[in-house]
N, C-alpha and C. Protein backbone atom coordinates (compact mmCIF):
# COMPACT_ATOMS: atom_id res chain seq x y z
N MET A 1 83.97 109.89 107.26
CA MET A 1 85.36 109.67 106.87
C MET A 1 85.39 108.86 105.58
N GLU A 2 86.34 109.22 104.71
CA GLU A 2 86.53 108.50 103.46
C GLU A 2 87.94 107.95 103.42
N GLY A 3 88.16 106.88 102.61
CA GLY A 3 89.51 106.38 102.45
C GLY A 3 89.56 104.90 102.14
N THR A 4 90.70 104.31 102.42
CA THR A 4 90.92 102.89 102.20
C THR A 4 91.29 102.27 103.54
N ASP A 5 91.88 101.08 103.48
CA ASP A 5 92.27 100.42 104.72
C ASP A 5 93.45 101.10 105.42
N TRP A 6 94.33 101.80 104.67
CA TRP A 6 95.52 102.38 105.31
C TRP A 6 95.46 103.90 105.47
N TYR A 7 94.45 104.55 104.93
CA TYR A 7 94.32 106.00 105.16
C TYR A 7 92.85 106.39 105.20
N ARG A 8 92.59 107.51 105.85
CA ARG A 8 91.25 108.10 105.92
C ARG A 8 91.41 109.62 105.99
N TRP A 9 90.51 110.31 105.32
CA TRP A 9 90.39 111.76 105.49
C TRP A 9 89.37 112.00 106.58
N ASP A 10 89.67 112.90 107.48
CA ASP A 10 88.75 113.25 108.56
C ASP A 10 88.74 114.77 108.72
N ALA A 11 87.77 115.41 108.09
CA ALA A 11 87.61 116.87 108.18
C ALA A 11 88.90 117.62 107.86
N GLY A 12 89.57 117.22 106.79
CA GLY A 12 90.79 117.90 106.37
C GLY A 12 92.08 117.32 106.93
N ASP A 13 91.96 116.48 107.95
CA ASP A 13 93.14 115.80 108.50
C ASP A 13 93.27 114.44 107.82
N LEU A 14 94.49 113.95 107.76
CA LEU A 14 94.76 112.66 107.17
C LEU A 14 95.16 111.68 108.27
N LEU A 15 94.42 110.56 108.36
CA LEU A 15 94.73 109.51 109.32
C LEU A 15 95.40 108.37 108.57
N LEU A 16 96.56 107.95 109.04
CA LEU A 16 97.32 106.89 108.38
C LEU A 16 97.54 105.71 109.32
N SER A 17 97.48 104.51 108.77
CA SER A 17 97.91 103.32 109.46
C SER A 17 99.28 102.98 108.87
N ILE A 18 100.30 102.97 109.72
CA ILE A 18 101.69 102.86 109.26
C ILE A 18 102.35 101.64 109.89
N ARG A 19 103.13 100.95 109.09
CA ARG A 19 104.00 99.88 109.61
C ARG A 19 105.43 100.40 109.47
N VAL A 20 106.09 100.57 110.59
CA VAL A 20 107.43 101.17 110.64
C VAL A 20 108.49 100.09 110.73
N GLN A 21 109.55 100.25 109.97
CA GLN A 21 110.72 99.40 110.06
C GLN A 21 111.87 100.27 110.58
N PRO A 22 112.20 100.16 111.86
CA PRO A 22 113.27 100.97 112.43
C PRO A 22 114.65 100.45 112.03
N ARG A 23 115.67 101.25 112.32
CA ARG A 23 117.08 100.92 112.07
C ARG A 23 117.37 100.61 110.61
N GLY A 24 116.72 101.34 109.73
CA GLY A 24 116.98 101.17 108.30
C GLY A 24 118.25 101.88 107.89
N LYS A 25 118.70 101.59 106.71
CA LYS A 25 119.91 102.23 106.17
C LYS A 25 119.66 103.71 105.91
N ARG A 26 118.42 104.01 105.47
CA ARG A 26 118.03 105.41 105.25
C ARG A 26 116.53 105.52 105.41
N ASP A 27 116.04 106.74 105.62
CA ASP A 27 114.60 106.97 105.72
C ASP A 27 113.99 106.81 104.33
N LYS A 28 112.88 106.07 104.27
CA LYS A 28 112.27 105.85 102.97
C LYS A 28 110.79 105.51 103.13
N LEU A 29 109.99 106.13 102.29
CA LEU A 29 108.59 105.78 102.17
C LEU A 29 108.51 104.62 101.19
N LEU A 30 108.12 103.45 101.69
CA LEU A 30 108.10 102.25 100.86
C LEU A 30 106.79 102.08 100.10
N GLY A 31 105.72 102.68 100.59
CA GLY A 31 104.44 102.63 99.92
C GLY A 31 103.44 101.75 100.62
N PRO A 32 102.21 101.75 100.11
CA PRO A 32 101.16 100.95 100.73
C PRO A 32 101.38 99.46 100.54
N ALA A 33 101.03 98.70 101.56
CA ALA A 33 101.09 97.23 101.50
C ALA A 33 99.97 96.71 102.39
N GLY A 34 98.92 96.21 101.76
CA GLY A 34 97.78 95.72 102.54
C GLY A 34 97.10 96.83 103.29
N ASN A 35 97.02 96.67 104.60
CA ASN A 35 96.31 97.64 105.44
C ASN A 35 97.20 98.74 106.01
N HIS A 36 98.45 98.84 105.55
CA HIS A 36 99.38 99.81 106.13
C HIS A 36 100.19 100.52 105.06
N LEU A 37 100.67 101.70 105.40
CA LEU A 37 101.67 102.40 104.62
C LEU A 37 103.01 102.03 105.24
N ARG A 38 103.90 101.44 104.47
CA ARG A 38 105.18 101.00 105.01
C ARG A 38 106.21 102.12 104.92
N ILE A 39 106.93 102.32 106.01
CA ILE A 39 107.96 103.35 106.10
C ILE A 39 109.18 102.76 106.80
N ARG A 40 110.35 103.04 106.25
CA ARG A 40 111.60 102.63 106.88
C ARG A 40 112.28 103.89 107.43
N ILE A 41 112.74 103.83 108.67
CA ILE A 41 113.45 104.96 109.27
C ILE A 41 114.76 104.49 109.87
N THR A 42 115.69 105.41 110.04
CA THR A 42 117.02 105.07 110.55
C THR A 42 117.08 104.97 112.06
N ALA A 43 116.16 105.60 112.76
CA ALA A 43 116.21 105.65 114.22
C ALA A 43 115.93 104.29 114.85
N PRO A 44 116.56 104.01 115.99
CA PRO A 44 116.29 102.76 116.71
C PRO A 44 115.01 102.89 117.53
N PRO A 45 114.35 101.77 117.81
CA PRO A 45 113.12 101.80 118.62
C PRO A 45 113.42 101.84 120.12
N VAL A 46 114.12 102.88 120.54
CA VAL A 46 114.55 102.99 121.92
C VAL A 46 114.12 104.34 122.49
N GLU A 47 113.45 104.32 123.66
CA GLU A 47 113.09 105.55 124.39
C GLU A 47 112.38 106.58 123.53
N GLY A 48 111.50 106.15 122.65
CA GLY A 48 110.72 107.08 121.84
C GLY A 48 111.44 107.72 120.68
N LYS A 49 112.70 107.35 120.45
CA LYS A 49 113.48 107.96 119.37
C LYS A 49 112.86 107.69 118.00
N ALA A 50 112.40 106.46 117.79
CA ALA A 50 111.80 106.12 116.49
C ALA A 50 110.51 106.91 116.26
N ASN A 51 109.70 107.07 117.30
CA ASN A 51 108.46 107.83 117.15
C ASN A 51 108.73 109.29 116.80
N GLU A 52 109.67 109.90 117.48
CA GLU A 52 110.00 111.30 117.19
C GLU A 52 110.60 111.44 115.79
N HIS A 53 111.44 110.51 115.42
CA HIS A 53 112.04 110.53 114.09
C HIS A 53 110.95 110.36 113.02
N LEU A 54 110.02 109.45 113.26
CA LEU A 54 108.91 109.23 112.33
C LEU A 54 108.07 110.50 112.18
N ARG A 55 107.78 111.17 113.28
CA ARG A 55 107.00 112.42 113.22
C ARG A 55 107.70 113.46 112.36
N GLY A 56 109.01 113.59 112.52
CA GLY A 56 109.76 114.55 111.71
C GLY A 56 109.79 114.17 110.24
N PHE A 57 109.96 112.89 109.96
CA PHE A 57 109.98 112.39 108.59
C PHE A 57 108.63 112.65 107.91
N LEU A 58 107.53 112.34 108.60
CA LEU A 58 106.20 112.57 108.04
C LEU A 58 105.92 114.06 107.86
N ALA A 59 106.37 114.87 108.80
CA ALA A 59 106.18 116.32 108.68
C ALA A 59 106.85 116.84 107.40
N ASP A 60 108.06 116.38 107.12
CA ASP A 60 108.75 116.79 105.90
C ASP A 60 108.02 116.30 104.65
N LEU A 61 107.57 115.05 104.67
CA LEU A 61 106.87 114.49 103.51
C LEU A 61 105.58 115.22 103.18
N PHE A 62 104.83 115.60 104.21
CA PHE A 62 103.51 116.18 104.00
C PHE A 62 103.49 117.71 104.12
N GLY A 63 104.66 118.33 104.32
CA GLY A 63 104.76 119.79 104.32
C GLY A 63 104.10 120.45 105.52
N VAL A 64 104.20 119.83 106.68
CA VAL A 64 103.60 120.39 107.89
C VAL A 64 104.66 120.49 108.98
N LEU A 65 104.30 121.15 110.07
CA LEU A 65 105.18 121.21 111.24
C LEU A 65 105.11 119.88 111.98
N ARG A 66 106.17 119.55 112.68
CA ARG A 66 106.20 118.32 113.47
C ARG A 66 105.03 118.26 114.46
N SER A 67 104.64 119.41 114.98
CA SER A 67 103.52 119.46 115.93
C SER A 67 102.18 119.09 115.28
N GLN A 68 102.11 119.10 113.96
CA GLN A 68 100.88 118.73 113.25
C GLN A 68 100.81 117.23 112.96
N VAL A 69 101.84 116.50 113.34
CA VAL A 69 101.86 115.04 113.19
C VAL A 69 101.68 114.45 114.58
N VAL A 70 100.54 113.80 114.79
CA VAL A 70 100.17 113.30 116.12
C VAL A 70 100.10 111.77 116.08
N LEU A 71 100.81 111.14 116.98
CA LEU A 71 100.74 109.68 117.13
C LEU A 71 99.48 109.36 117.92
N VAL A 72 98.52 108.70 117.26
CA VAL A 72 97.23 108.40 117.87
C VAL A 72 97.28 107.05 118.60
N ALA A 73 97.97 106.07 118.03
CA ALA A 73 98.05 104.74 118.64
C ALA A 73 99.32 104.05 118.16
N GLY A 74 99.78 103.09 118.95
CA GLY A 74 100.94 102.28 118.57
C GLY A 74 102.27 102.82 119.04
N GLU A 75 102.27 103.52 120.13
CA GLU A 75 103.50 104.13 120.64
C GLU A 75 104.64 103.13 120.80
N ARG A 76 104.34 101.90 121.20
CA ARG A 76 105.39 100.91 121.45
C ARG A 76 105.47 99.80 120.42
N GLY A 77 104.64 99.87 119.38
CA GLY A 77 104.65 98.82 118.37
C GLY A 77 105.12 99.33 117.02
N ARG A 78 105.25 98.43 116.08
CA ARG A 78 105.64 98.80 114.72
C ARG A 78 104.47 99.32 113.91
N VAL A 79 103.26 98.91 114.27
CA VAL A 79 102.07 99.40 113.59
C VAL A 79 101.53 100.59 114.38
N LYS A 80 101.37 101.71 113.68
CA LYS A 80 100.98 102.96 114.34
C LYS A 80 99.83 103.62 113.59
N ARG A 81 99.04 104.40 114.32
CA ARG A 81 98.02 105.26 113.71
C ARG A 81 98.49 106.68 113.93
N VAL A 82 98.52 107.45 112.85
CA VAL A 82 99.03 108.81 112.90
C VAL A 82 98.01 109.75 112.28
N ARG A 83 97.83 110.91 112.89
CA ARG A 83 97.00 111.98 112.34
C ARG A 83 97.91 113.09 111.85
N ILE A 84 97.73 113.49 110.60
CA ILE A 84 98.47 114.62 110.05
C ILE A 84 97.45 115.73 109.84
N ARG A 85 97.62 116.79 110.60
CA ARG A 85 96.66 117.89 110.57
C ARG A 85 96.87 118.76 109.33
N ARG A 86 95.85 118.78 108.49
CA ARG A 86 95.82 119.64 107.30
C ARG A 86 97.10 119.56 106.46
N PRO A 87 97.42 118.38 105.89
CA PRO A 87 98.64 118.27 105.09
C PRO A 87 98.63 119.23 103.91
N LEU A 88 99.79 119.82 103.63
CA LEU A 88 99.91 120.79 102.54
C LEU A 88 100.25 120.14 101.22
N ARG A 89 100.85 118.94 101.27
CA ARG A 89 101.20 118.22 100.04
C ARG A 89 101.18 116.73 100.33
N LEU A 90 101.17 115.97 99.24
CA LEU A 90 101.25 114.52 99.35
C LEU A 90 102.59 114.08 98.79
N PRO A 91 103.21 113.07 99.39
CA PRO A 91 104.51 112.59 98.90
C PRO A 91 104.38 112.03 97.48
N GLU A 92 105.44 112.18 96.71
CA GLU A 92 105.48 111.65 95.36
C GLU A 92 105.27 110.14 95.40
N GLY A 93 104.45 109.65 94.50
CA GLY A 93 104.20 108.22 94.42
C GLY A 93 103.04 107.73 95.28
N ILE A 94 102.48 108.60 96.11
CA ILE A 94 101.34 108.23 96.95
C ILE A 94 100.09 108.88 96.37
N ARG A 95 99.12 108.05 96.03
CA ARG A 95 97.87 108.54 95.49
C ARG A 95 96.76 108.28 96.51
N LEU A 96 96.10 109.34 96.90
CA LEU A 96 95.02 109.24 97.85
C LEU A 96 93.75 109.76 97.20
N GLY A 97 92.63 109.26 97.66
CA GLY A 97 91.36 109.81 97.21
C GLY A 97 91.26 111.27 97.60
N GLU A 98 90.36 111.96 96.99
CA GLU A 98 90.21 113.40 97.22
C GLU A 98 89.84 113.69 98.67
N ASN A 99 90.44 114.71 99.23
CA ASN A 99 90.12 115.20 100.54
C ASN A 99 88.70 115.76 100.47
N PRO A 100 87.82 115.37 101.37
CA PRO A 100 86.46 115.87 101.31
C PRO A 100 86.37 117.38 101.48
N GLN A 101 87.39 117.98 102.07
CA GLN A 101 87.41 119.44 102.24
C GLN A 101 87.95 120.12 100.98
N GLY A 102 88.46 119.33 100.00
CA GLY A 102 88.97 119.90 98.76
C GLY A 102 90.35 120.49 98.88
N LYS A 103 91.02 120.26 99.99
CA LYS A 103 92.37 120.82 100.19
C LYS A 103 93.34 119.70 100.41
N ARG A 104 94.59 119.92 100.03
CA ARG A 104 95.64 118.95 100.29
C ARG A 104 96.81 119.63 100.94
């Protein structure tokens, strides 16, 4: 696996460490900060709503289906580990090292 503290490439999949801020005014990718990618979402952290909203937001950002965004860890916390299976694009303003598979 290659990457930094907040992301890793794993055989074409992208693993992210995310710090989520729920109940935001609007959904927004805030960018990397230390060991996490910061994201603000509008959904409240109630009954899994924030997790599902986050999966949809990430799917749109990376050009994949919601089913390709898997919550690996952090279901009940603000810090989460997410796997994005074979992302088709990278969000504007986010620079990642090259995917070892040569695909984005």
